[in-house]
Amino acid sequence: MDITALSSGLSQANLMSQVSTSVLKLSMDTVEQSMDNMIKMMETSVNPNLGGTIDISI
């Protein structure tokens, strides 16, 4: 087996692993930010007094 080819292959595998990890981290950060924004939106949309009383006239 050629040492140069083996070294090149391992280097490429290492680079691909680092790129995959970086892309996954970016994706996880984006999802976390989206979740935070969704939670804030849900917290501001809650009105505890809504639906507490019903006015009925017959």
N, C-alpha and C. Protein backbone atom coordinates (compact mmCIF):
# COMPACT_ATOMS: atom_id res chain seq x y z
N MET A 1 0.85 -1.18 0.00
CA MET A 1 0.00 0.00 0.00
C MET A 1 0.89 1.24 0.00
N ASP A 2 0.49 2.22 -0.75
CA ASP A 2 1.27 3.45 -0.90
C ASP A 2 1.01 4.37 0.30
N ILE A 3 2.07 4.78 0.96
CA ILE A 3 1.97 5.65 2.14
C ILE A 3 1.37 6.99 1.77
N THR A 4 1.74 7.54 0.64
CA THR A 4 1.23 8.85 0.21
C THR A 4 -0.27 8.81 -0.01
N ALA A 5 -0.75 7.76 -0.67
CA ALA A 5 -2.18 7.63 -0.92
C ALA A 5 -2.94 7.43 0.38
N LEU A 6 -2.38 6.65 1.28
CA LEU A 6 -3.01 6.42 2.57
C LEU A 6 -3.09 7.72 3.37
N SER A 7 -2.02 8.48 3.39
CA SER A 7 -2.00 9.75 4.10
C SER A 7 -3.01 10.72 3.50
N SER A 8 -3.08 10.77 2.19
CA SER A 8 -4.03 11.66 1.52
C SER A 8 -5.47 11.25 1.83
N GLY A 9 -5.73 9.96 1.82
CA GLY A 9 -7.07 9.46 2.12
C GLY A 9 -7.49 9.77 3.55
N LEU A 10 -6.58 9.58 4.48
CA LEU A 10 -6.88 9.89 5.88
C LEU A 10 -7.10 11.39 6.08
N SER A 11 -6.32 12.19 5.39
CA SER A 11 -6.48 13.64 5.49
C SER A 11 -7.84 14.07 4.96
N GLN A 12 -8.26 13.50 3.84
CA GLN A 12 -9.58 13.82 3.27
C GLN A 12 -10.69 13.36 4.20
N ALA A 13 -10.55 12.18 4.79
CA ALA A 13 -11.56 11.68 5.71
C ALA A 13 -11.66 12.58 6.94
N ASN A 14 -10.53 13.05 7.43
CA ASN A 14 -10.51 13.95 8.58
C ASN A 14 -11.19 15.27 8.24
N LEU A 15 -10.90 15.80 7.07
CA LEU A 15 -11.51 17.06 6.63
C LEU A 15 -13.02 16.91 6.49
N MET A 16 -13.47 15.81 5.89
CA MET A 16 -14.91 15.59 5.73
C MET A 16 -15.61 15.47 7.09
N SER A 17 -14.93 14.84 8.03
CA SER A 17 -15.48 14.72 9.37
C SER A 17 -15.62 16.09 10.03
N GLN A 18 -14.61 16.93 9.89
CA GLN A 18 -14.66 18.27 10.47
C GLN A 18 -15.74 19.12 9.81
N VAL A 19 -15.88 19.00 8.50
CA VAL A 19 -16.92 19.76 7.79
C VAL A 19 -18.30 19.30 8.23
N SER A 20 -18.50 18.00 8.33
CA SER A 20 -19.79 17.47 8.77
C SER A 20 -20.14 17.94 10.17
N THR A 21 -19.16 17.95 11.05
CA THR A 21 -19.39 18.40 12.42
C THR A 21 -19.75 19.89 12.45
N SER A 22 -19.08 20.68 11.64
CA SER A 22 -19.37 22.12 11.60
C SER A 22 -20.77 22.39 11.05
N VAL A 23 -21.16 21.67 10.02
CA VAL A 23 -22.50 21.84 9.44
C VAL A 23 -23.56 21.41 10.44
N LEU A 24 -23.32 20.33 11.15
CA LEU A 24 -24.26 19.87 12.16
C LEU A 24 -24.39 20.89 13.28
N LYS A 25 -23.29 21.49 13.71
CA LYS A 25 -23.34 22.51 14.76
C LYS A 25 -24.14 23.72 14.30
N LEU A 26 -23.92 24.15 13.05
CA LEU A 26 -24.69 25.28 12.52
C LEU A 26 -26.18 24.95 12.49
N SER A 27 -26.51 23.75 12.09
CA SER A 27 -27.90 23.32 12.03
C SER A 27 -28.52 23.30 13.42
N MET A 28 -27.79 22.78 14.39
CA MET A 28 -28.30 22.73 15.75
C MET A 28 -28.49 24.13 16.32
N ASP A 29 -27.58 25.05 16.02
CA ASP A 29 -27.71 26.43 16.48
C ASP A 29 -28.95 27.09 15.88
N THR A 30 -29.20 26.82 14.60
CA THR A 30 -30.36 27.39 13.93
C THR A 30 -31.66 26.85 14.53
N VAL A 31 -31.70 25.56 14.81
CA VAL A 31 -32.88 24.95 15.42
C VAL A 31 -33.10 25.51 16.82
N GLU A 32 -32.03 25.67 17.58
CA GLU A 32 -32.16 26.22 18.93
C GLU A 32 -32.69 27.65 18.89
N GLN A 33 -32.20 28.44 17.95
CA GLN A 33 -32.68 29.82 17.82
C GLN A 33 -34.15 29.84 17.41
N SER A 34 -34.54 28.95 16.51
CA SER A 34 -35.94 28.88 16.10
C SER A 34 -36.83 28.47 17.27
N MET A 35 -36.36 27.54 18.08
CA MET A 35 -37.14 27.13 19.25
C MET A 35 -37.30 28.27 20.23
N ASP A 36 -36.23 29.02 20.46
CA ASP A 36 -36.31 30.16 21.37
C ASP A 36 -37.31 31.19 20.86
N ASN A 37 -37.27 31.45 19.56
CA ASN A 37 -38.21 32.42 18.98
C ASN A 37 -39.65 31.91 19.08
N MET A 38 -39.86 30.60 18.88
CA MET A 38 -41.20 30.03 18.98
C MET A 38 -41.72 30.12 20.41
N ILE A 39 -40.86 29.86 21.38
CA ILE A 39 -41.27 29.95 22.79
C ILE A 39 -41.63 31.38 23.14
N LYS A 40 -40.82 32.36 22.70
CA LYS A 40 -41.13 33.77 22.97
C LYS A 40 -42.46 34.16 22.34
N MET A 41 -42.71 33.70 21.11
CA MET A 41 -43.95 34.02 20.42
C MET A 41 -45.15 33.41 21.16
N MET A 42 -44.99 32.18 21.64
CA MET A 42 -46.08 31.54 22.37
C MET A 42 -46.33 32.23 23.71
N GLU A 43 -45.27 32.67 24.37
CA GLU A 43 -45.44 33.35 25.65
C GLU A 43 -46.16 34.68 25.49
N THR A 44 -45.88 35.40 24.42
CA THR A 44 -46.53 36.69 24.22
C THR A 44 -47.96 36.55 23.71
N SER A 45 -48.31 35.41 23.14
CA SER A 45 -49.65 35.25 22.59
C SER A 45 -50.65 34.75 23.62
N VAL A 46 -50.19 34.32 24.77
CA VAL A 46 -51.07 33.78 25.80
C VAL A 46 -51.77 34.93 26.52
N ASN A 47 -53.09 34.86 26.56
CA ASN A 47 -53.90 35.84 27.29
C ASN A 47 -54.70 35.05 28.32
N PRO A 48 -54.32 35.10 29.60
CA PRO A 48 -54.98 34.26 30.61
C PRO A 48 -56.44 34.63 30.87
N ASN A 49 -56.85 35.83 30.52
CA ASN A 49 -58.24 36.25 30.78
C ASN A 49 -59.17 35.88 29.63
N LEU A 50 -58.64 35.45 28.53
CA LEU A 50 -59.46 35.12 27.36
C LEU A 50 -60.26 33.84 27.62
N GLY A 51 -61.56 33.91 27.44
CA GLY A 51 -62.41 32.74 27.60
C GLY A 51 -62.81 32.47 29.04
N GLY A 52 -62.48 33.36 29.93
CA GLY A 52 -62.81 33.16 31.33
C GLY A 52 -64.29 33.34 31.64
N THR A 53 -64.97 34.20 30.88
CA THR A 53 -66.39 34.44 31.09
C THR A 53 -67.12 34.36 29.75
N ILE A 54 -68.40 33.96 29.84
CA ILE A 54 -69.22 33.88 28.63
C ILE A 54 -70.49 34.69 28.90
N ASP A 55 -70.79 35.63 28.00
CA ASP A 55 -72.03 36.43 28.10
C ASP A 55 -73.07 35.79 27.21
N ILE A 56 -74.18 35.38 27.82
CA ILE A 56 -75.26 34.75 27.05
C ILE A 56 -76.54 35.53 27.30
N SER A 57 -77.24 35.86 26.24
CA SER A 57 -78.56 36.50 26.39
C SER A 57 -79.55 35.71 25.54
N ILE A 58 -80.72 35.44 26.16
CA ILE A 58 -81.75 34.69 25.45
C ILE A 58 -82.96 35.57 25.24
